[in-house]
N, C-alpha and C. Protein backbone atom coordinates (compact mmCIF):
# COMPACT_ATOMS: atom_id res chain seq x y z
N UNK A 1 18.94 -27.91 68.59
CA UNK A 1 19.32 -27.37 67.29
C UNK A 1 20.10 -28.39 66.48
N UNK A 2 21.05 -29.06 67.15
CA UNK A 2 21.83 -30.09 66.45
C UNK A 2 20.92 -31.24 66.02
N UNK A 3 19.97 -31.60 66.90
CA UNK A 3 19.04 -32.69 66.58
C UNK A 3 18.20 -32.36 65.36
N UNK A 4 17.75 -31.11 65.26
CA UNK A 4 16.95 -30.68 64.10
C UNK A 4 17.78 -30.80 62.83
N UNK A 5 19.04 -30.33 62.90
CA UNK A 5 19.91 -30.42 61.73
C UNK A 5 20.14 -31.85 61.31
N UNK A 6 20.37 -32.75 62.29
CA UNK A 6 20.59 -34.16 61.97
C UNK A 6 19.34 -34.78 61.34
N UNK A 7 18.17 -34.38 61.84
CA UNK A 7 16.92 -34.89 61.30
C UNK A 7 16.73 -34.47 59.85
N UNK A 8 16.99 -33.19 59.56
CA UNK A 8 16.86 -32.68 58.20
C UNK A 8 17.84 -33.39 57.27
N UNK A 9 19.08 -33.54 57.72
CA UNK A 9 20.08 -34.20 56.89
C UNK A 9 19.72 -35.66 56.62
N UNK A 10 19.19 -36.36 57.64
CA UNK A 10 18.83 -37.76 57.46
C UNK A 10 17.70 -37.92 56.46
N UNK A 11 16.76 -36.97 56.44
CA UNK A 11 15.69 -37.02 55.46
C UNK A 11 16.23 -36.91 54.05
N UNK A 12 17.20 -36.02 53.88
CA UNK A 12 17.77 -35.82 52.55
C UNK A 12 18.56 -37.04 52.09
N UNK A 13 19.37 -37.57 52.99
CA UNK A 13 20.16 -38.76 52.64
C UNK A 13 19.24 -39.92 52.29
N UNK A 14 18.07 -39.98 52.97
CA UNK A 14 17.10 -41.04 52.69
C UNK A 14 16.28 -40.74 51.44
N UNK A 15 16.63 -39.65 50.74
CA UNK A 15 15.98 -39.25 49.50
C UNK A 15 14.56 -38.72 49.73
N UNK A 16 14.28 -38.28 50.98
CA UNK A 16 13.04 -37.56 51.23
C UNK A 16 13.39 -36.10 51.11
N UNK A 17 13.08 -35.48 49.98
CA UNK A 17 13.57 -34.15 49.67
C UNK A 17 13.01 -33.14 50.66
N UNK A 18 13.91 -32.41 51.31
CA UNK A 18 13.50 -31.38 52.25
C UNK A 18 13.11 -30.14 51.48
N UNK A 19 11.91 -29.61 51.67
CA UNK A 19 11.50 -28.43 50.92
C UNK A 19 12.41 -27.25 51.19
N UNK A 20 12.85 -26.56 50.15
CA UNK A 20 13.55 -25.29 50.33
C UNK A 20 12.86 -24.29 49.42
N UNK A 21 13.44 -23.14 49.26
CA UNK A 21 12.71 -22.03 48.66
C UNK A 21 12.04 -22.39 47.34
N UNK A 22 12.71 -23.17 46.48
CA UNK A 22 12.16 -23.43 45.15
C UNK A 22 10.87 -24.24 45.24
N UNK A 23 10.90 -25.36 46.00
CA UNK A 23 9.70 -26.20 46.05
C UNK A 23 8.61 -25.56 46.90
N UNK A 24 8.99 -24.87 47.95
CA UNK A 24 8.00 -24.19 48.79
C UNK A 24 7.26 -23.14 47.97
N UNK A 25 8.02 -22.41 47.14
CA UNK A 25 7.39 -21.35 46.35
C UNK A 25 6.31 -21.89 45.44
N UNK A 26 6.53 -23.07 44.89
CA UNK A 26 5.57 -23.63 43.95
C UNK A 26 4.25 -23.96 44.63
N UNK A 27 4.27 -24.23 45.93
CA UNK A 27 3.06 -24.64 46.63
C UNK A 27 2.51 -23.57 47.56
N UNK A 28 3.30 -22.55 47.84
CA UNK A 28 2.91 -21.59 48.87
C UNK A 28 1.85 -20.62 48.35
N UNK A 29 0.83 -20.41 49.14
CA UNK A 29 -0.25 -19.49 48.78
C UNK A 29 -0.18 -18.20 49.58
N UNK A 30 0.83 -18.07 50.41
CA UNK A 30 0.95 -16.87 51.22
C UNK A 30 1.59 -15.75 50.42
N UNK A 31 1.53 -14.56 50.98
CA UNK A 31 2.04 -13.36 50.31
C UNK A 31 3.52 -13.49 50.01
N UNK A 32 3.92 -13.37 48.72
CA UNK A 32 5.34 -13.41 48.39
C UNK A 32 5.98 -12.02 48.52
N UNK A 33 7.22 -12.00 48.96
CA UNK A 33 7.99 -10.77 49.01
C UNK A 33 9.03 -10.78 47.90
N UNK A 34 9.38 -9.62 47.34
CA UNK A 34 10.48 -9.58 46.37
C UNK A 34 11.73 -10.23 46.96
N UNK A 35 12.50 -10.90 46.11
CA UNK A 35 13.63 -11.69 46.59
C UNK A 35 14.59 -10.86 47.44
N UNK A 36 14.92 -9.66 46.99
CA UNK A 36 15.90 -8.84 47.72
C UNK A 36 15.35 -8.41 49.07
N UNK A 37 14.08 -8.00 49.10
CA UNK A 37 13.47 -7.59 50.36
C UNK A 37 13.36 -8.77 51.32
N UNK A 38 12.93 -9.92 50.79
CA UNK A 38 12.79 -11.10 51.63
C UNK A 38 14.11 -11.49 52.26
N UNK A 39 15.19 -11.45 51.47
CA UNK A 39 16.51 -11.80 52.00
C UNK A 39 16.93 -10.82 53.09
N UNK A 40 16.71 -9.52 52.83
CA UNK A 40 17.09 -8.52 53.83
C UNK A 40 16.36 -8.73 55.14
N UNK A 41 15.06 -8.98 55.06
CA UNK A 41 14.26 -9.14 56.27
C UNK A 41 14.70 -10.36 57.06
N UNK A 42 15.00 -11.47 56.37
CA UNK A 42 15.35 -12.69 57.10
C UNK A 42 16.75 -12.63 57.68
N UNK A 43 17.65 -11.82 57.10
CA UNK A 43 19.01 -11.73 57.62
C UNK A 43 19.20 -10.59 58.62
N UNK A 44 18.33 -9.59 58.56
CA UNK A 44 18.50 -8.38 59.37
C UNK A 44 18.59 -8.64 60.87
N UNK A 45 17.78 -9.54 61.44
CA UNK A 45 17.88 -9.75 62.89
C UNK A 45 19.27 -10.14 63.37
N UNK A 46 19.99 -10.94 62.57
CA UNK A 46 21.33 -11.37 62.97
C UNK A 46 22.30 -10.21 63.03
N UNK A 47 22.01 -9.12 62.31
CA UNK A 47 22.84 -7.92 62.37
C UNK A 47 22.32 -6.93 63.40
N UNK A 48 21.00 -6.75 63.42
CA UNK A 48 20.41 -5.70 64.26
C UNK A 48 20.41 -6.04 65.74
N UNK A 49 20.16 -7.32 66.06
CA UNK A 49 20.09 -7.69 67.48
C UNK A 49 21.44 -7.49 68.19
N UNK A 50 22.57 -7.98 67.64
CA UNK A 50 23.84 -7.70 68.32
C UNK A 50 24.15 -6.20 68.42
N UNK A 51 23.84 -5.43 67.37
CA UNK A 51 24.07 -3.99 67.43
C UNK A 51 23.22 -3.33 68.51
N UNK A 52 21.98 -3.79 68.65
CA UNK A 52 21.11 -3.25 69.70
C UNK A 52 21.66 -3.58 71.09
N UNK A 53 22.12 -4.82 71.27
CA UNK A 53 22.66 -5.22 72.57
C UNK A 53 23.92 -4.44 72.91
N UNK A 54 24.76 -4.20 71.89
CA UNK A 54 25.99 -3.44 72.13
C UNK A 54 25.66 -2.02 72.59
N UNK A 55 24.71 -1.39 71.88
CA UNK A 55 24.36 -0.01 72.24
C UNK A 55 23.60 0.06 73.56
N UNK A 56 22.82 -0.98 73.88
CA UNK A 56 22.02 -0.94 75.10
C UNK A 56 22.86 -1.09 76.36
N UNK A 57 24.00 -1.78 76.26
CA UNK A 57 24.87 -1.91 77.43
C UNK A 57 25.95 -0.83 77.44
N UNK A 58 25.86 0.11 76.51
CA UNK A 58 26.77 1.23 76.51
C UNK A 58 28.19 0.89 76.11
N UNK A 59 28.38 -0.30 75.53
CA UNK A 59 29.71 -0.69 75.08
C UNK A 59 30.69 -1.00 76.19
N UNK A 60 30.18 -1.11 77.46
CA UNK A 60 31.11 -1.30 78.57
C UNK A 60 31.78 -2.67 78.56
N UNK A 61 31.17 -3.62 77.84
CA UNK A 61 31.76 -4.95 77.79
C UNK A 61 32.77 -5.10 76.66
N UNK A 62 32.86 -4.12 75.80
CA UNK A 62 33.79 -4.24 74.66
C UNK A 62 34.69 -3.02 74.56
N UNK A 63 34.91 -2.37 75.70
CA UNK A 63 35.76 -1.18 75.68
C UNK A 63 37.21 -1.53 75.34
N UNK A 64 37.66 -2.70 75.80
CA UNK A 64 39.02 -3.12 75.53
C UNK A 64 39.03 -4.12 74.36
N UNK A 65 40.04 -4.00 73.54
CA UNK A 65 40.19 -4.92 72.42
C UNK A 65 40.66 -6.27 72.95
N UNK A 66 39.80 -7.27 72.84
CA UNK A 66 40.15 -8.61 73.29
C UNK A 66 39.60 -9.63 72.31
N UNK A 67 39.77 -10.90 72.65
CA UNK A 67 39.32 -11.94 71.72
C UNK A 67 37.83 -11.87 71.45
N UNK A 68 37.05 -11.59 72.47
CA UNK A 68 35.60 -11.53 72.30
C UNK A 68 35.19 -10.40 71.35
N UNK A 69 35.81 -9.24 71.51
CA UNK A 69 35.45 -8.13 70.64
C UNK A 69 35.87 -8.39 69.20
N UNK A 70 36.99 -9.09 69.00
CA UNK A 70 37.42 -9.43 67.65
C UNK A 70 36.42 -10.40 67.01
N UNK A 71 36.00 -11.40 67.78
CA UNK A 71 35.03 -12.36 67.26
C UNK A 71 33.70 -11.69 66.96
N UNK A 72 33.30 -10.78 67.82
CA UNK A 72 32.06 -10.04 67.59
C UNK A 72 32.17 -9.21 66.32
N UNK A 73 33.33 -8.59 66.10
CA UNK A 73 33.53 -7.83 64.88
C UNK A 73 33.46 -8.70 63.64
N UNK A 74 34.01 -9.90 63.71
CA UNK A 74 33.95 -10.83 62.57
C UNK A 74 32.51 -11.23 62.30
N UNK A 75 31.75 -11.49 63.36
CA UNK A 75 30.34 -11.85 63.22
C UNK A 75 29.56 -10.73 62.54
N UNK A 76 29.78 -9.49 63.01
CA UNK A 76 29.05 -8.36 62.43
C UNK A 76 29.47 -8.10 60.99
N UNK A 77 30.76 -8.27 60.70
CA UNK A 77 31.24 -8.06 59.33
C UNK A 77 30.57 -9.05 58.39
N UNK A 78 30.44 -10.29 58.82
CA UNK A 78 29.78 -11.31 58.00
C UNK A 78 28.35 -10.89 57.69
N UNK A 79 27.62 -10.43 58.70
CA UNK A 79 26.21 -10.12 58.48
C UNK A 79 25.99 -8.74 57.86
N UNK A 80 26.98 -7.87 57.91
CA UNK A 80 26.89 -6.64 57.12
C UNK A 80 26.86 -7.01 55.64
N UNK A 81 27.72 -7.96 55.27
CA UNK A 81 27.72 -8.40 53.86
C UNK A 81 26.43 -9.12 53.52
N UNK A 82 26.02 -10.09 54.37
CA UNK A 82 24.85 -10.91 54.06
C UNK A 82 23.57 -10.08 54.04
N UNK A 83 23.49 -9.06 54.89
CA UNK A 83 22.25 -8.31 55.03
C UNK A 83 22.17 -7.11 54.11
N UNK A 84 23.28 -6.38 53.95
CA UNK A 84 23.24 -5.10 53.24
C UNK A 84 23.85 -5.14 51.84
N UNK A 85 24.86 -5.97 51.62
CA UNK A 85 25.58 -5.96 50.34
C UNK A 85 25.06 -7.04 49.40
N UNK A 86 24.97 -8.28 49.88
CA UNK A 86 24.55 -9.38 49.01
C UNK A 86 23.20 -9.14 48.32
N UNK A 87 22.18 -8.60 49.01
CA UNK A 87 20.89 -8.39 48.33
C UNK A 87 20.97 -7.44 47.14
N UNK A 88 22.00 -6.59 47.08
CA UNK A 88 22.09 -5.61 46.00
C UNK A 88 22.33 -6.28 44.65
N UNK A 89 23.01 -7.44 44.65
CA UNK A 89 23.31 -8.08 43.37
C UNK A 89 22.66 -9.46 43.23
N UNK A 90 21.82 -9.85 44.20
CA UNK A 90 21.20 -11.17 44.10
C UNK A 90 20.04 -11.15 43.12
N UNK A 91 19.75 -12.32 42.58
CA UNK A 91 18.61 -12.52 41.70
C UNK A 91 17.83 -13.72 42.23
N UNK A 92 16.54 -13.76 41.98
CA UNK A 92 15.78 -14.90 42.45
C UNK A 92 14.30 -14.64 42.42
N UNK A 93 13.54 -15.71 42.64
CA UNK A 93 12.10 -15.60 42.68
C UNK A 93 11.67 -14.87 43.94
N UNK A 94 10.44 -14.32 43.94
CA UNK A 94 9.90 -13.78 45.19
C UNK A 94 9.87 -14.85 46.26
N UNK A 95 10.10 -14.44 47.51
CA UNK A 95 10.17 -15.38 48.62
C UNK A 95 8.87 -15.36 49.40
N UNK A 96 8.28 -16.54 49.70
CA UNK A 96 7.06 -16.56 50.51
C UNK A 96 7.27 -15.88 51.85
N UNK A 97 6.28 -15.14 52.29
CA UNK A 97 6.40 -14.38 53.53
C UNK A 97 6.70 -15.28 54.72
N UNK A 98 6.06 -16.45 54.79
CA UNK A 98 6.28 -17.28 55.96
C UNK A 98 7.69 -17.84 56.00
N UNK A 99 8.31 -18.03 54.84
CA UNK A 99 9.71 -18.46 54.81
C UNK A 99 10.61 -17.40 55.40
N UNK A 100 10.33 -16.14 55.04
CA UNK A 100 11.11 -15.02 55.58
C UNK A 100 10.95 -14.93 57.08
N UNK A 101 9.72 -15.08 57.58
CA UNK A 101 9.47 -14.97 59.01
C UNK A 101 10.15 -16.09 59.78
N UNK A 102 10.11 -17.32 59.24
CA UNK A 102 10.77 -18.42 59.91
C UNK A 102 12.28 -18.23 59.92
N UNK A 103 12.82 -17.79 58.79
CA UNK A 103 14.27 -17.58 58.72
C UNK A 103 14.71 -16.49 59.68
N UNK A 104 13.84 -15.49 59.91
CA UNK A 104 14.19 -14.40 60.81
C UNK A 104 14.32 -14.90 62.24
N UNK A 105 13.70 -16.03 62.55
CA UNK A 105 13.76 -16.56 63.90
C UNK A 105 15.09 -17.24 64.15
N UNK A 106 15.78 -17.66 63.20
CA UNK A 106 17.02 -18.41 63.39
C UNK A 106 18.24 -17.57 63.00
N UNK A 107 17.90 -16.80 63.03
CA UNK A 107 18.88 -15.89 62.49
C UNK A 107 20.32 -16.59 62.17
N UNK A 108 35.92 -18.19 51.32
CA UNK A 108 35.63 -18.86 50.07
C UNK A 108 34.28 -18.42 49.42
N UNK A 109 32.35 -18.10 50.78
CA UNK A 109 31.00 -18.10 50.25
C UNK A 109 30.73 -16.90 49.36
N UNK A 110 31.38 -15.75 49.59
CA UNK A 110 31.10 -14.54 48.82
C UNK A 110 31.44 -14.76 47.34
N UNK A 111 32.54 -15.33 47.11
CA UNK A 111 32.96 -15.57 45.72
C UNK A 111 31.99 -16.52 45.04
N UNK A 112 31.62 -17.57 45.72
CA UNK A 112 30.70 -18.56 45.14
C UNK A 112 29.35 -17.93 44.83
N UNK A 113 28.87 -17.09 45.73
CA UNK A 113 27.61 -16.39 45.48
C UNK A 113 27.72 -15.52 44.23
N UNK A 114 28.85 -14.83 44.09
CA UNK A 114 29.04 -13.95 42.93
C UNK A 114 29.08 -14.76 41.63
N UNK A 115 29.73 -15.93 41.67
CA UNK A 115 29.79 -16.77 40.47
C UNK A 115 28.39 -17.20 40.06
N UNK A 116 27.60 -17.66 41.03
CA UNK A 116 26.25 -18.12 40.72
C UNK A 116 25.39 -17.00 40.18
N UNK A 117 25.45 -15.83 40.80
CA UNK A 117 24.65 -14.71 40.34
C UNK A 117 25.10 -14.25 38.95
N UNK A 118 26.42 -14.34 38.69
CA UNK A 118 26.92 -13.91 37.40
C UNK A 118 26.50 -14.83 36.26
N UNK A 119 26.15 -16.08 36.58
CA UNK A 119 25.72 -17.03 35.55
C UNK A 119 24.26 -16.84 35.16
N UNK A 120 23.50 -16.13 35.99
CA UNK A 120 22.08 -15.91 35.69
C UNK A 120 21.94 -14.78 34.69
N UNK A 121 21.32 -15.06 33.56
CA UNK A 121 21.07 -14.03 32.57
C UNK A 121 19.90 -13.16 33.01
N UNK A 122 19.77 -11.96 32.44
CA UNK A 122 18.64 -11.09 32.82
C UNK A 122 17.31 -11.81 32.67
N UNK A 123 16.52 -11.75 33.72
CA UNK A 123 15.22 -12.39 33.72
C UNK A 123 15.22 -13.82 34.23
N UNK A 124 16.43 -14.41 34.40
CA UNK A 124 16.52 -15.78 34.90
C UNK A 124 16.71 -15.78 36.41
N UNK A 125 16.24 -16.83 37.05
CA UNK A 125 16.43 -17.00 38.49
C UNK A 125 17.28 -18.22 38.81
N UNK A 126 17.61 -19.03 37.81
CA UNK A 126 18.46 -20.18 37.99
C UNK A 126 19.48 -20.24 36.86
N UNK A 127 20.66 -20.77 37.19
CA UNK A 127 21.70 -20.86 36.19
C UNK A 127 21.41 -21.98 35.20
N UNK A 128 21.73 -21.75 33.95
CA UNK A 128 21.61 -22.77 32.91
C UNK A 128 22.98 -23.20 32.43
N UNK A 129 24.02 -22.81 33.17
CA UNK A 129 25.40 -23.11 32.82
C UNK A 129 26.10 -23.78 34.00
N UNK A 130 26.99 -24.70 33.73
CA UNK A 130 27.75 -25.35 34.80
C UNK A 130 28.69 -24.33 35.44
N UNK A 131 28.62 -24.14 36.76
CA UNK A 131 29.53 -23.20 37.42
C UNK A 131 30.97 -23.72 37.40
N UNK A 132 31.91 -22.82 37.19
CA UNK A 132 33.33 -23.16 37.22
C UNK A 132 34.09 -22.06 37.96
N UNK A 133 35.28 -22.41 38.40
CA UNK A 133 36.13 -21.44 39.08
C UNK A 133 36.09 -21.59 40.58
N UNK A 134 37.22 -21.28 41.23
CA UNK A 134 37.27 -21.36 42.67
C UNK A 134 36.96 -22.77 43.17
N UNK A 135 36.21 -22.84 44.25
CA UNK A 135 35.88 -24.14 44.84
C UNK A 135 34.80 -24.87 44.06
N UNK A 136 34.24 -24.24 43.03
CA UNK A 136 33.30 -24.96 42.17
C UNK A 136 33.99 -26.10 41.43
N UNK A 137 35.31 -26.07 41.37
CA UNK A 137 36.03 -27.16 40.73
C UNK A 137 36.05 -28.42 41.60
N UNK A 138 35.67 -28.24 42.88
CA UNK A 138 35.74 -29.36 43.82
C UNK A 138 34.37 -29.80 44.34
N UNK A 139 33.47 -28.84 44.52
CA UNK A 139 32.14 -29.17 45.06
C UNK A 139 31.07 -28.41 44.30
N UNK A 140 29.85 -28.93 44.38
CA UNK A 140 28.73 -28.29 43.68
C UNK A 140 28.18 -27.09 44.42
N UNK A 141 28.40 -27.03 45.73
CA UNK A 141 27.84 -25.94 46.52
C UNK A 141 28.90 -25.32 47.42
N UNK A 142 29.93 -24.67 46.84
CA UNK A 142 30.97 -24.08 47.68
C UNK A 142 30.48 -22.91 48.52
N UNK A 143 29.36 -22.28 48.11
CA UNK A 143 28.80 -21.23 48.95
C UNK A 143 28.33 -21.80 50.27
N UNK A 144 27.71 -22.99 50.24
CA UNK A 144 27.29 -23.65 51.48
C UNK A 144 28.50 -24.14 52.27
N UNK A 145 29.47 -24.72 51.57
CA UNK A 145 30.68 -25.21 52.23
C UNK A 145 31.43 -24.07 52.91
N UNK A 146 31.53 -22.92 52.21
CA UNK A 146 32.23 -21.78 52.78
C UNK A 146 31.56 -21.26 54.03
N UNK A 147 30.24 -21.20 54.02
CA UNK A 147 29.54 -20.71 55.21
C UNK A 147 29.68 -21.68 56.37
N UNK A 148 29.63 -22.98 56.09
CA UNK A 148 29.83 -23.96 57.15
C UNK A 148 31.23 -23.82 57.76
N UNK A 149 32.24 -23.59 56.91
CA UNK A 149 33.60 -23.39 57.42
C UNK A 149 33.68 -22.15 58.30
N UNK A 150 33.00 -21.07 57.88
CA UNK A 150 33.02 -19.84 58.68
C UNK A 150 32.50 -20.10 60.09
N UNK A 151 31.38 -20.81 60.18
CA UNK A 151 30.78 -21.03 61.51
C UNK A 151 31.56 -22.04 62.32
N UNK A 152 32.18 -23.02 61.68
CA UNK A 152 33.03 -23.95 62.42
C UNK A 152 34.24 -23.21 62.98
N UNK A 153 34.83 -22.36 62.16
CA UNK A 153 35.96 -21.57 62.63
C UNK A 153 35.58 -20.64 63.76
N UNK A 154 34.41 -20.04 63.64
CA UNK A 154 33.93 -19.14 64.70
C UNK A 154 33.72 -19.91 66.00
N UNK A 155 33.15 -21.11 65.89
CA UNK A 155 32.89 -21.92 67.09
C UNK A 155 34.20 -22.33 67.76
N UNK A 156 35.19 -22.72 66.96
CA UNK A 156 36.47 -23.11 67.52
C UNK A 156 37.19 -21.93 68.17
N UNK A 157 37.06 -20.76 67.57
CA UNK A 157 37.72 -19.58 68.12
C UNK A 157 37.06 -19.12 69.42
N UNK A 158 35.75 -19.24 69.50
CA UNK A 158 35.04 -18.74 70.67
C UNK A 158 34.95 -19.78 71.79
N UNK A 159 35.17 -21.07 71.45
CA UNK A 159 35.05 -22.15 72.43
C UNK A 159 33.73 -22.05 73.19
N UNK A 160 32.68 -21.79 72.43
CA UNK A 160 31.35 -21.59 73.01
C UNK A 160 30.46 -22.75 72.61
N UNK A 161 29.75 -23.33 73.58
CA UNK A 161 28.85 -24.44 73.29
C UNK A 161 27.71 -24.01 72.37
N UNK A 162 27.06 -22.85 72.59
CA UNK A 162 26.01 -22.42 71.65
C UNK A 162 26.55 -22.21 70.24
N UNK A 163 27.76 -21.64 70.12
CA UNK A 163 28.34 -21.42 68.80
C UNK A 163 28.64 -22.75 68.12
N UNK A 164 29.12 -23.73 68.88
CA UNK A 164 29.40 -25.04 68.30
C UNK A 164 28.10 -25.73 67.87
N UNK A 165 27.05 -25.62 68.68
CA UNK A 165 25.76 -26.20 68.32
C UNK A 165 25.23 -25.57 67.04
N UNK A 166 25.37 -24.26 66.93
CA UNK A 166 24.91 -23.58 65.72
C UNK A 166 25.73 -24.00 64.51
N UNK A 167 27.04 -24.15 64.69
CA UNK A 167 27.91 -24.55 63.58
C UNK A 167 27.56 -25.95 63.09
N UNK A 168 27.30 -26.88 64.02
CA UNK A 168 26.94 -28.24 63.63
C UNK A 168 25.59 -28.25 62.92
N UNK A 169 24.63 -27.51 63.48
CA UNK A 169 23.31 -27.42 62.86
C UNK A 169 23.42 -26.86 61.45
N UNK A 170 24.19 -25.77 61.30
CA UNK A 170 24.35 -25.13 60.00
C UNK A 170 24.99 -26.08 58.99
N UNK A 171 26.01 -26.82 59.42
CA UNK A 171 26.70 -27.73 58.52
C UNK A 171 25.77 -28.85 58.05
N UNK A 172 24.98 -29.41 58.97
CA UNK A 172 24.05 -30.47 58.60
C UNK A 172 22.96 -29.93 57.67
N UNK A 173 22.46 -28.76 58.00
CA UNK A 173 21.38 -28.16 57.20
C UNK A 173 21.86 -27.81 55.79
N UNK A 174 23.00 -27.13 55.71
CA UNK A 174 23.53 -26.74 54.41
C UNK A 174 24.00 -27.96 53.61
N UNK A 175 24.53 -28.96 54.31
CA UNK A 175 24.95 -30.17 53.62
C UNK A 175 23.80 -30.87 52.93
N UNK A 176 22.63 -30.87 53.56
CA UNK A 176 21.47 -31.51 52.94
C UNK A 176 21.05 -30.76 51.68
N UNK A 177 21.10 -29.44 51.72
CA UNK A 177 20.76 -28.65 50.54
C UNK A 177 21.82 -28.80 49.45
N UNK A 178 23.08 -28.93 49.86
CA UNK A 178 24.15 -29.14 48.89
C UNK A 178 23.94 -30.44 48.12
N UNK A 179 23.48 -31.47 48.81
CA UNK A 179 23.23 -32.75 48.16
C UNK A 179 22.11 -32.63 47.13
N UNK A 180 21.05 -31.91 47.49
CA UNK A 180 19.95 -31.68 46.55
C UNK A 180 20.45 -30.92 45.33
N UNK A 181 21.28 -29.88 45.56
CA UNK A 181 21.83 -29.09 44.46
C UNK A 181 22.71 -29.95 43.55
N UNK A 182 23.54 -30.77 44.18
CA UNK A 182 24.45 -31.63 43.42
C UNK A 182 23.68 -32.59 42.52
N UNK A 183 22.66 -33.19 43.05
CA UNK A 183 21.87 -34.14 42.26
C UNK A 183 21.10 -33.45 41.14
N UNK A 184 20.67 -32.22 41.40
CA UNK A 184 19.97 -31.49 40.34
C UNK A 184 20.91 -31.14 39.19
N UNK A 185 22.18 -30.80 39.52
CA UNK A 185 23.18 -30.53 38.48
C UNK A 185 23.44 -31.80 37.65
N UNK A 186 23.56 -32.94 38.32
CA UNK A 186 23.83 -34.18 37.61
C UNK A 186 22.70 -34.52 36.64
N UNK A 187 21.47 -34.22 37.03
CA UNK A 187 20.33 -34.49 36.15
C UNK A 187 20.23 -33.47 35.02
N UNK A 188 20.61 -32.23 35.30
CA UNK A 188 20.44 -31.15 34.32
C UNK A 188 21.52 -31.16 33.26
N UNK A 189 22.75 -31.48 33.65
CA UNK A 189 23.89 -31.38 32.74
C UNK A 189 24.50 -32.76 32.49
N UNK A 190 24.46 -33.22 31.25
CA UNK A 190 25.04 -34.52 30.91
C UNK A 190 26.56 -34.53 31.06
N UNK A 191 27.19 -33.36 30.87
CA UNK A 191 28.65 -33.28 30.94
C UNK A 191 29.13 -32.72 32.28
N UNK A 192 28.30 -32.83 33.30
CA UNK A 192 28.70 -32.30 34.62
C UNK A 192 29.88 -33.12 35.14
N UNK A 193 30.91 -32.45 35.70
CA UNK A 193 32.12 -33.16 36.17
C UNK A 193 31.79 -34.26 37.17
N UNK A 194 32.16 -35.47 36.87
CA UNK A 194 31.82 -36.62 37.71
C UNK A 194 32.65 -36.66 38.99
N UNK A 195 33.81 -36.01 38.99
CA UNK A 195 34.65 -36.03 40.19
C UNK A 195 34.31 -34.91 41.17
N UNK A 196 33.35 -34.09 40.83
CA UNK A 196 32.97 -32.99 41.72
C UNK A 196 32.04 -33.51 42.81
N UNK A 197 32.38 -33.22 44.06
CA UNK A 197 31.58 -33.67 45.19
C UNK A 197 30.43 -32.69 45.45
N UNK A 198 29.59 -33.06 46.40
CA UNK A 198 28.43 -32.22 46.69
C UNK A 198 28.77 -31.08 47.64
N UNK A 199 29.46 -31.38 48.74
CA UNK A 199 29.58 -30.39 49.83
C UNK A 199 31.01 -30.24 50.34
N UNK A 200 31.70 -31.35 50.58
CA UNK A 200 33.05 -31.31 51.14
C UNK A 200 34.04 -31.80 50.08
N UNK A 201 35.03 -30.99 49.71
CA UNK A 201 35.98 -31.38 48.66
C UNK A 201 36.63 -32.74 48.92
N UNK A 202 36.70 -33.56 47.87
CA UNK A 202 37.37 -34.87 47.88
C UNK A 202 36.69 -35.91 48.76
N UNK A 203 35.56 -35.57 49.38
CA UNK A 203 34.95 -36.52 50.32
C UNK A 203 33.47 -36.76 50.03
N UNK A 204 32.64 -35.72 50.15
CA UNK A 204 31.18 -35.92 50.04
C UNK A 204 30.51 -34.76 49.33
């Protein structure tokens, strides 16, 4: 997983643009799903699978309040928002079915998502205004930075090798997309803040 993330990031740094939803959509001939439905389907496994496992073992492993149950609660709270709440106010193009299916296999950010969605006028799927406020004053993609921080914090709290591998993969993957977003802002807006970084405040 870490190797895949490093490979994707290296392609982006080398200016080999990694396809993401926007470019894939332009070329994809497969069945598109509405943006909200596509997002729900791709995020649902991360919420449903842990809930299924909890109910299938009868809760005997989480009867007592301990560090593991707290971390599990944080994980579920994150995906309750990502799966059930975020799609209610998101805007975007229809998502190719195969993108949703692939995403379903892998199963500070809330504020940034709200800012971006608030900048989209009715009928638009991309912002035509420079984002401001919060961590947007420091980086072009604080939603990606915030999610990377969440998973790094989760990995450190759980001291789990799989969690750390996922956190590193997520950071590399989101960092590559943040760089693409940053460069697109620089090309789109002549007055885009020159001191604003792509992904990590004051650094990169």
